[in-house]
Amino acid sequence: MASHDQSCKAGEAKGQAQEKTDQVADTMKEKTQAAKDKASEMAESAKGRTHEAKDQTGNTLSEKTGATKEKASETTQSTKDKASAAAKAAKEKASEMAESGREAEQAGKEKTGGILQKTGEQMKDLAQGAADAVKHTFGMTDTSEDANAGTKRGN
C-alpha cells in the first residue's frame, strides 16, 4: 500500500515536472514570437523613415536600406540566440526535475521494501511465539525444549 502511494506520488511529481516544462516552453515560444514581431515592426518603421528621408534629403535609398537591413538582421539574430538559450535552459531544468523524480521514486521503493521485510519478520516471530505458547499449554513440548525456551525467554 505504501509502495503504491509512493509510486503515485512519484508519478505526480513527474507529471508536475512535465507540466512545468511545457509551461516554460510555451512561455519561451510566446516571448520569441513577440521579439520577432517587435523586430519586424522596427524594420518596417525604419524602412518607412528611410523613404521619408530620401524624399526630404535626396539621399539614395540603397544606403539607408542596407543599414536598416543590417540592424534588423542583428536584432533578429540576437532574438534567436536568446530564445535558443532559454529553450535549452528549460530543457535542462526539465531533465533535472525528471531525474529528481526518478531518484525519489527509487528511494521510496527501497524504504518500502525494508518496512515490508521488517514487518514480515515481526509477524513470523509473533506466530512462532503463539505456536510455542499453544504447545506449552497443551503439554506438547519436550522438557529439553522447555529448558531452552526458558533460557531464551530469560535473555
N, C-alpha and C. Protein backbone atom coordinates (compact mmCIF):
# COMPACT_ATOMS: atom_id res chain seq x y z
N MET A 1 0.83 -1.19 0.00
CA MET A 1 0.00 0.00 0.00
C MET A 1 0.87 1.26 0.00
N ALA A 2 1.92 1.22 0.89
CA ALA A 2 2.82 2.38 0.94
C ALA A 2 3.58 2.52 -0.37
N SER A 3 3.98 1.40 -0.97
CA SER A 3 4.70 1.45 -2.24
C SER A 3 3.82 2.04 -3.33
N HIS A 4 2.55 1.67 -3.32
CA HIS A 4 1.61 2.21 -4.31
C HIS A 4 1.48 3.72 -4.14
N ASP A 5 1.37 4.16 -2.88
CA ASP A 5 1.25 5.61 -2.62
C ASP A 5 2.49 6.34 -3.07
N GLN A 6 3.64 5.75 -2.80
CA GLN A 6 4.89 6.41 -3.20
C GLN A 6 5.03 6.41 -4.71
N SER A 7 4.59 5.35 -5.36
CA SER A 7 4.62 5.32 -6.82
C SER A 7 3.71 6.39 -7.38
N CYS A 8 2.54 6.54 -6.75
CA CYS A 8 1.60 7.59 -7.19
C CYS A 8 2.23 8.97 -7.03
N LYS A 9 2.87 9.17 -5.87
CA LYS A 9 3.50 10.48 -5.63
C LYS A 9 4.62 10.73 -6.61
N ALA A 10 5.40 9.70 -6.92
CA ALA A 10 6.48 9.86 -7.89
C ALA A 10 5.90 10.17 -9.25
N GLY A 11 4.80 9.52 -9.60
CA GLY A 11 4.15 9.80 -10.88
C GLY A 11 3.62 11.22 -10.94
N GLU A 12 3.05 11.66 -9.80
CA GLU A 12 2.56 13.05 -9.75
C GLU A 12 3.71 14.03 -9.92
N ALA A 13 4.83 13.74 -9.24
CA ALA A 13 6.00 14.63 -9.35
C ALA A 13 6.49 14.68 -10.78
N LYS A 14 6.51 13.53 -11.45
CA LYS A 14 6.95 13.51 -12.84
C LYS A 14 5.98 14.29 -13.72
N GLY A 15 4.69 14.11 -13.47
CA GLY A 15 3.68 14.85 -14.24
C GLY A 15 3.79 16.35 -14.03
N GLN A 16 4.03 16.74 -12.77
CA GLN A 16 4.18 18.17 -12.48
C GLN A 16 5.41 18.72 -13.16
N ALA A 17 6.49 17.95 -13.16
CA ALA A 17 7.72 18.40 -13.83
C ALA A 17 7.48 18.57 -15.32
N GLN A 18 6.75 17.63 -15.93
CA GLN A 18 6.45 17.72 -17.36
C GLN A 18 5.58 18.93 -17.63
N GLU A 19 4.58 19.16 -16.77
CA GLU A 19 3.68 20.30 -16.96
C GLU A 19 4.45 21.61 -16.87
N LYS A 20 5.36 21.70 -15.91
CA LYS A 20 6.16 22.91 -15.75
C LYS A 20 7.05 23.12 -16.98
N THR A 21 7.63 22.04 -17.48
CA THR A 21 8.46 22.12 -18.68
C THR A 21 7.65 22.64 -19.86
N ASP A 22 6.44 22.11 -20.01
CA ASP A 22 5.58 22.55 -21.11
C ASP A 22 5.23 24.03 -20.96
N GLN A 23 4.96 24.45 -19.72
CA GLN A 23 4.63 25.86 -19.50
C GLN A 23 5.80 26.75 -19.85
N VAL A 24 7.01 26.36 -19.43
CA VAL A 24 8.20 27.15 -19.72
C VAL A 24 8.43 27.21 -21.23
N ALA A 25 8.27 26.09 -21.91
CA ALA A 25 8.46 26.05 -23.37
C ALA A 25 7.44 26.96 -24.06
N ASP A 26 6.18 26.90 -23.62
CA ASP A 26 5.14 27.76 -24.22
C ASP A 26 5.47 29.23 -23.99
N THR A 27 5.91 29.56 -22.79
CA THR A 27 6.27 30.94 -22.48
C THR A 27 7.41 31.41 -23.38
N MET A 28 8.40 30.54 -23.57
CA MET A 28 9.53 30.91 -24.41
C MET A 28 9.10 31.09 -25.86
N LYS A 29 8.19 30.26 -26.34
CA LYS A 29 7.68 30.41 -27.70
C LYS A 29 6.97 31.75 -27.86
N GLU A 30 6.16 32.10 -26.86
CA GLU A 30 5.44 33.38 -26.91
C GLU A 30 6.41 34.55 -26.92
N LYS A 31 7.43 34.48 -26.06
CA LYS A 31 8.42 35.57 -26.00
C LYS A 31 9.20 35.67 -27.30
N THR A 32 9.54 34.54 -27.88
CA THR A 32 10.26 34.54 -29.15
C THR A 32 9.41 35.17 -30.25
N GLN A 33 8.15 34.80 -30.30
CA GLN A 33 7.25 35.36 -31.31
C GLN A 33 7.10 36.87 -31.11
N ALA A 34 6.96 37.29 -29.85
CA ALA A 34 6.83 38.71 -29.57
C ALA A 34 8.09 39.47 -30.00
N ALA A 35 9.25 38.88 -29.76
CA ALA A 35 10.51 39.52 -30.16
C ALA A 35 10.61 39.61 -31.68
N LYS A 36 10.19 38.55 -32.37
CA LYS A 36 10.20 38.58 -33.84
C LYS A 36 9.26 39.66 -34.36
N ASP A 37 8.06 39.73 -33.76
CA ASP A 37 7.10 40.76 -34.17
C ASP A 37 7.68 42.15 -33.94
N LYS A 38 8.31 42.35 -32.81
CA LYS A 38 8.90 43.65 -32.48
C LYS A 38 10.00 44.00 -33.48
N ALA A 39 10.85 43.02 -33.81
CA ALA A 39 11.92 43.25 -34.78
C ALA A 39 11.33 43.61 -36.14
N SER A 40 10.27 42.92 -36.51
CA SER A 40 9.61 43.20 -37.79
C SER A 40 9.03 44.62 -37.80
N GLU A 41 8.39 45.00 -36.68
CA GLU A 41 7.83 46.35 -36.59
C GLU A 41 8.94 47.40 -36.68
N MET A 42 10.05 47.11 -35.98
CA MET A 42 11.17 48.05 -36.01
C MET A 42 11.71 48.18 -37.43
N ALA A 43 11.82 47.07 -38.14
CA ALA A 43 12.32 47.10 -39.51
C ALA A 43 11.37 47.89 -40.41
N GLU A 44 10.07 47.64 -40.26
CA GLU A 44 9.09 48.37 -41.06
C GLU A 44 9.13 49.86 -40.75
N SER A 45 9.24 50.18 -39.46
CA SER A 45 9.30 51.59 -39.07
C SER A 45 10.55 52.26 -39.65
N ALA A 46 11.67 51.55 -39.55
CA ALA A 46 12.91 52.10 -40.09
C ALA A 46 12.82 52.26 -41.61
N LYS A 47 12.18 51.31 -42.24
CA LYS A 47 12.02 51.39 -43.68
C LYS A 47 11.17 52.61 -44.07
N GLY A 48 10.11 52.82 -43.29
CA GLY A 48 9.27 53.99 -43.54
C GLY A 48 10.04 55.29 -43.37
N ARG A 49 10.84 55.34 -42.31
CA ARG A 49 11.65 56.55 -42.07
C ARG A 49 12.67 56.73 -43.19
N THR A 50 13.18 55.64 -43.72
CA THR A 50 14.15 55.71 -44.81
C THR A 50 13.53 56.34 -46.05
N HIS A 51 12.32 55.94 -46.36
CA HIS A 51 11.64 56.51 -47.53
C HIS A 51 11.42 58.02 -47.34
N GLU A 52 11.02 58.40 -46.14
CA GLU A 52 10.80 59.83 -45.88
C GLU A 52 12.11 60.61 -46.00
N ALA A 53 13.17 60.03 -45.46
CA ALA A 53 14.46 60.72 -45.52
C ALA A 53 14.93 60.88 -46.96
N LYS A 54 14.69 59.92 -47.80
CA LYS A 54 15.10 60.00 -49.21
C LYS A 54 14.36 61.14 -49.90
N ASP A 55 13.07 61.22 -49.63
CA ASP A 55 12.28 62.28 -50.24
C ASP A 55 12.76 63.65 -49.78
N GLN A 56 13.11 63.77 -48.50
CA GLN A 56 13.49 65.07 -47.95
C GLN A 56 14.92 65.46 -48.31
N THR A 57 15.83 64.55 -48.26
CA THR A 57 17.24 64.90 -48.44
C THR A 57 17.81 64.50 -49.78
N GLY A 58 17.15 63.64 -50.49
CA GLY A 58 17.66 63.24 -51.78
C GLY A 58 18.72 62.15 -51.70
N ASN A 59 18.96 61.62 -50.51
CA ASN A 59 19.94 60.52 -50.38
C ASN A 59 19.42 59.27 -51.07
N THR A 60 20.31 58.43 -51.42
CA THR A 60 19.90 57.21 -52.08
C THR A 60 19.28 56.23 -51.09
N LEU A 61 18.28 55.58 -51.55
CA LEU A 61 17.55 54.62 -50.72
C LEU A 61 18.40 53.40 -50.41
N SER A 62 19.24 52.99 -51.28
CA SER A 62 20.01 51.76 -51.09
C SER A 62 20.94 51.85 -49.88
N GLU A 63 21.54 53.00 -49.60
CA GLU A 63 22.44 53.16 -48.46
C GLU A 63 21.69 52.97 -47.15
N LYS A 64 20.56 53.62 -47.02
CA LYS A 64 19.80 53.54 -45.78
C LYS A 64 19.11 52.19 -45.62
N THR A 65 18.68 51.61 -46.71
CA THR A 65 18.03 50.30 -46.64
C THR A 65 19.04 49.25 -46.19
N GLY A 66 20.27 49.35 -46.68
CA GLY A 66 21.32 48.41 -46.28
C GLY A 66 21.56 48.47 -44.77
N ALA A 67 21.63 49.68 -44.22
CA ALA A 67 21.85 49.83 -42.78
C ALA A 67 20.65 49.30 -42.00
N THR A 68 19.47 49.56 -42.50
CA THR A 68 18.26 49.08 -41.82
C THR A 68 18.20 47.56 -41.85
N LYS A 69 18.51 46.99 -42.99
CA LYS A 69 18.51 45.53 -43.08
C LYS A 69 19.54 44.91 -42.15
N GLU A 70 20.70 45.53 -42.09
CA GLU A 70 21.75 45.02 -41.20
C GLU A 70 21.30 45.09 -39.75
N LYS A 71 20.71 46.20 -39.35
CA LYS A 71 20.22 46.36 -37.98
C LYS A 71 19.12 45.33 -37.68
N ALA A 72 18.20 45.17 -38.61
CA ALA A 72 17.11 44.20 -38.43
C ALA A 72 17.68 42.79 -38.33
N SER A 73 18.67 42.49 -39.14
CA SER A 73 19.30 41.17 -39.12
C SER A 73 19.98 40.93 -37.77
N GLU A 74 20.70 41.94 -37.28
CA GLU A 74 21.36 41.81 -35.98
C GLU A 74 20.32 41.60 -34.86
N THR A 75 19.24 42.36 -34.91
CA THR A 75 18.19 42.23 -33.90
C THR A 75 17.54 40.86 -33.96
N THR A 76 17.27 40.39 -35.14
CA THR A 76 16.65 39.07 -35.31
C THR A 76 17.58 37.98 -34.81
N GLN A 77 18.86 38.07 -35.16
CA GLN A 77 19.83 37.06 -34.71
C GLN A 77 19.94 37.06 -33.20
N SER A 78 19.98 38.23 -32.60
CA SER A 78 20.06 38.33 -31.14
C SER A 78 18.84 37.69 -30.49
N THR A 79 17.68 37.94 -31.05
CA THR A 79 16.44 37.36 -30.53
C THR A 79 16.46 35.85 -30.64
N LYS A 80 16.92 35.34 -31.78
CA LYS A 80 17.01 33.88 -31.98
C LYS A 80 17.97 33.26 -30.97
N ASP A 81 19.11 33.90 -30.76
CA ASP A 81 20.09 33.38 -29.81
C ASP A 81 19.53 33.32 -28.40
N LYS A 82 18.85 34.38 -27.99
CA LYS A 82 18.26 34.41 -26.65
C LYS A 82 17.17 33.35 -26.50
N ALA A 83 16.34 33.19 -27.51
CA ALA A 83 15.28 32.18 -27.47
C ALA A 83 15.87 30.78 -27.40
N SER A 84 16.91 30.54 -28.16
CA SER A 84 17.56 29.23 -28.16
C SER A 84 18.16 28.92 -26.79
N ALA A 85 18.83 29.90 -26.19
CA ALA A 85 19.43 29.71 -24.88
C ALA A 85 18.35 29.45 -23.82
N ALA A 86 17.25 30.18 -23.90
CA ALA A 86 16.17 29.99 -22.93
C ALA A 86 15.53 28.61 -23.10
N ALA A 87 15.35 28.16 -24.31
CA ALA A 87 14.77 26.83 -24.55
C ALA A 87 15.70 25.74 -24.04
N LYS A 88 17.00 25.92 -24.25
CA LYS A 88 17.98 24.94 -23.76
C LYS A 88 17.95 24.89 -22.24
N ALA A 89 17.89 26.05 -21.59
CA ALA A 89 17.84 26.09 -20.12
C ALA A 89 16.58 25.41 -19.60
N ALA A 90 15.46 25.63 -20.26
CA ALA A 90 14.20 24.99 -19.85
C ALA A 90 14.29 23.48 -20.00
N LYS A 91 14.90 23.03 -21.08
CA LYS A 91 15.04 21.59 -21.31
C LYS A 91 15.94 20.96 -20.23
N GLU A 92 17.03 21.62 -19.90
CA GLU A 92 17.93 21.12 -18.86
C GLU A 92 17.23 21.06 -17.51
N LYS A 93 16.46 22.09 -17.20
CA LYS A 93 15.72 22.13 -15.92
C LYS A 93 14.71 20.99 -15.87
N ALA A 94 14.03 20.75 -16.96
CA ALA A 94 13.05 19.66 -17.00
C ALA A 94 13.75 18.32 -16.81
N SER A 95 14.91 18.16 -17.42
CA SER A 95 15.66 16.93 -17.28
C SER A 95 16.09 16.71 -15.83
N GLU A 96 16.54 17.78 -15.18
CA GLU A 96 16.93 17.70 -13.77
C GLU A 96 15.73 17.32 -12.90
N MET A 97 14.59 17.92 -13.18
CA MET A 97 13.39 17.63 -12.39
C MET A 97 12.96 16.18 -12.59
N ALA A 98 13.04 15.67 -13.81
CA ALA A 98 12.67 14.28 -14.07
C ALA A 98 13.62 13.34 -13.34
N GLU A 99 14.91 13.63 -13.36
CA GLU A 99 15.89 12.80 -12.65
C GLU A 99 15.63 12.81 -11.16
N SER A 100 15.30 13.96 -10.62
CA SER A 100 14.97 14.07 -9.20
C SER A 100 13.76 13.22 -8.86
N GLY A 101 12.78 13.21 -9.73
CA GLY A 101 11.59 12.38 -9.52
C GLY A 101 11.93 10.90 -9.54
N ARG A 102 12.81 10.50 -10.47
CA ARG A 102 13.21 9.09 -10.53
C ARG A 102 13.97 8.70 -9.26
N GLU A 103 14.83 9.58 -8.77
CA GLU A 103 15.58 9.29 -7.54
C GLU A 103 14.64 9.16 -6.35
N ALA A 104 13.67 10.04 -6.26
CA ALA A 104 12.70 9.98 -5.17
C ALA A 104 11.90 8.69 -5.23
N GLU A 105 11.53 8.28 -6.43
CA GLU A 105 10.78 7.04 -6.59
C GLU A 105 11.62 5.85 -6.14
N GLN A 106 12.89 5.81 -6.53
CA GLN A 106 13.78 4.70 -6.14
C GLN A 106 13.96 4.67 -4.63
N ALA A 107 14.16 5.81 -4.01
CA ALA A 107 14.32 5.86 -2.55
C ALA A 107 13.06 5.36 -1.86
N GLY A 108 11.91 5.72 -2.38
CA GLY A 108 10.65 5.26 -1.80
C GLY A 108 10.50 3.76 -1.92
N LYS A 109 10.91 3.19 -3.06
CA LYS A 109 10.83 1.74 -3.24
C LYS A 109 11.74 1.03 -2.24
N GLU A 110 12.95 1.55 -2.07
CA GLU A 110 13.89 0.93 -1.14
C GLU A 110 13.37 0.99 0.29
N LYS A 111 12.84 2.11 0.70
CA LYS A 111 12.31 2.28 2.05
C LYS A 111 11.12 1.35 2.27
N THR A 112 10.25 1.24 1.30
CA THR A 112 9.08 0.37 1.41
C THR A 112 9.50 -1.08 1.56
N GLY A 113 10.50 -1.50 0.77
CA GLY A 113 10.98 -2.88 0.86
C GLY A 113 11.49 -3.21 2.25
N GLY A 114 12.22 -2.29 2.88
CA GLY A 114 12.74 -2.50 4.24
C GLY A 114 11.62 -2.62 5.26
N ILE A 115 10.62 -1.79 5.12
CA ILE A 115 9.48 -1.82 6.05
C ILE A 115 8.74 -3.15 5.93
N LEU A 116 8.51 -3.60 4.70
CA LEU A 116 7.79 -4.86 4.49
C LEU A 116 8.59 -6.04 5.04
N GLN A 117 9.89 -6.05 4.85
CA GLN A 117 10.72 -7.14 5.37
C GLN A 117 10.68 -7.16 6.89
N LYS A 118 10.81 -6.02 7.52
CA LYS A 118 10.78 -5.94 8.99
C LYS A 118 9.42 -6.40 9.51
N THR A 119 8.35 -5.98 8.86
CA THR A 119 7.00 -6.38 9.28
C THR A 119 6.83 -7.89 9.14
N GLY A 120 7.32 -8.47 8.07
CA GLY A 120 7.24 -9.90 7.86
C GLY A 120 7.98 -10.68 8.94
N GLU A 121 9.15 -10.22 9.30
CA GLU A 121 9.92 -10.87 10.36
C GLU A 121 9.19 -10.79 11.70
N GLN A 122 8.61 -9.64 11.98
CA GLN A 122 7.86 -9.49 13.23
C GLN A 122 6.66 -10.43 13.26
N MET A 123 5.96 -10.55 12.13
CA MET A 123 4.80 -11.45 12.08
C MET A 123 5.24 -12.90 12.25
N LYS A 124 6.36 -13.27 11.67
CA LYS A 124 6.89 -14.63 11.80
C LYS A 124 7.23 -14.92 13.26
N ASP A 125 7.92 -14.00 13.93
CA ASP A 125 8.27 -14.16 15.34
C ASP A 125 7.03 -14.26 16.21
N LEU A 126 6.04 -13.43 15.91
CA LEU A 126 4.79 -13.44 16.68
C LEU A 126 4.07 -14.77 16.51
N ALA A 127 4.01 -15.29 15.28
CA ALA A 127 3.35 -16.57 15.03
C ALA A 127 4.10 -17.71 15.73
N GLN A 128 5.42 -17.68 15.71
CA GLN A 128 6.21 -18.71 16.39
C GLN A 128 5.97 -18.67 17.89
N GLY A 129 5.91 -17.45 18.44
CA GLY A 129 5.64 -17.32 19.88
C GLY A 129 4.27 -17.86 20.24
N ALA A 130 3.27 -17.60 19.39
CA ALA A 130 1.92 -18.10 19.65
C ALA A 130 1.90 -19.62 19.55
N ALA A 131 2.59 -20.19 18.57
CA ALA A 131 2.64 -21.65 18.42
C ALA A 131 3.30 -22.29 19.64
N ASP A 132 4.39 -21.70 20.10
CA ASP A 132 5.07 -22.23 21.29
C ASP A 132 4.17 -22.15 22.52
N ALA A 133 3.43 -21.06 22.66
CA ALA A 133 2.54 -20.92 23.81
C ALA A 133 1.44 -21.97 23.78
N VAL A 134 0.88 -22.25 22.60
CA VAL A 134 -0.17 -23.27 22.47
C VAL A 134 0.40 -24.65 22.79
N LYS A 135 1.58 -24.97 22.26
CA LYS A 135 2.21 -26.27 22.55
C LYS A 135 2.45 -26.42 24.04
N HIS A 136 2.95 -25.38 24.66
CA HIS A 136 3.25 -25.43 26.09
C HIS A 136 1.96 -25.62 26.89
N THR A 137 0.90 -24.92 26.49
CA THR A 137 -0.37 -25.01 27.19
C THR A 137 -0.93 -26.44 27.14
N PHE A 138 -0.81 -27.09 26.01
CA PHE A 138 -1.34 -28.44 25.86
C PHE A 138 -0.30 -29.51 26.19
N GLY A 139 0.84 -29.12 26.70
CA GLY A 139 1.86 -30.07 27.12
C GLY A 139 2.49 -30.80 25.97
N MET A 140 2.61 -30.19 24.84
CA MET A 140 3.16 -30.84 23.66
C MET A 140 4.65 -30.54 23.48
N THR A 141 5.30 -29.95 24.46
CA THR A 141 6.72 -29.62 24.32
C THR A 141 7.54 -30.59 25.14
N ASP A 142 8.80 -30.83 24.69
CA ASP A 142 9.72 -31.67 25.45
C ASP A 142 10.25 -30.87 26.63
N THR A 143 10.76 -31.56 27.59
CA THR A 143 11.36 -30.88 28.74
C THR A 143 12.60 -30.12 28.29
N SER A 144 13.34 -30.71 27.36
CA SER A 144 14.55 -30.04 26.87
C SER A 144 14.16 -28.76 26.12
N GLU A 145 13.02 -28.79 25.39
CA GLU A 145 12.56 -27.58 24.71
C GLU A 145 12.13 -26.54 25.72
N ASP A 146 11.48 -26.99 26.87
CA ASP A 146 11.08 -26.04 27.91
C ASP A 146 12.31 -25.37 28.50
N ALA A 147 13.35 -26.12 28.72
CA ALA A 147 14.58 -25.56 29.30
C ALA A 147 15.18 -24.54 28.33
N ASN A 148 15.23 -24.90 27.05
CA ASN A 148 15.76 -23.98 26.04
C ASN A 148 14.89 -22.75 25.92
N ALA A 149 13.56 -22.94 25.95
CA ALA A 149 12.64 -21.81 25.85
C ALA A 149 12.79 -20.89 27.03
N GLY A 150 12.98 -21.44 28.20
CA GLY A 150 13.18 -20.61 29.40
C GLY A 150 14.45 -19.82 29.30
N THR A 151 15.49 -20.44 28.76
CA THR A 151 16.76 -19.76 28.59
C THR A 151 16.61 -18.61 27.60
N LYS A 152 15.87 -18.89 26.52
CA LYS A 152 15.65 -17.87 25.50
C LYS A 152 14.83 -16.74 26.07
N ARG A 153 13.81 -17.05 26.83
CA ARG A 153 12.94 -16.01 27.39
C ARG A 153 13.67 -15.18 28.43
N GLY A 154 14.57 -15.77 29.13
CA GLY A 154 15.33 -15.05 30.16
C GLY A 154 16.27 -14.05 29.55
N ASN A 155 16.73 -14.25 28.31
CA ASN A 155 17.66 -13.33 27.62
C ASN A 155 16.96 -12.19 27.13
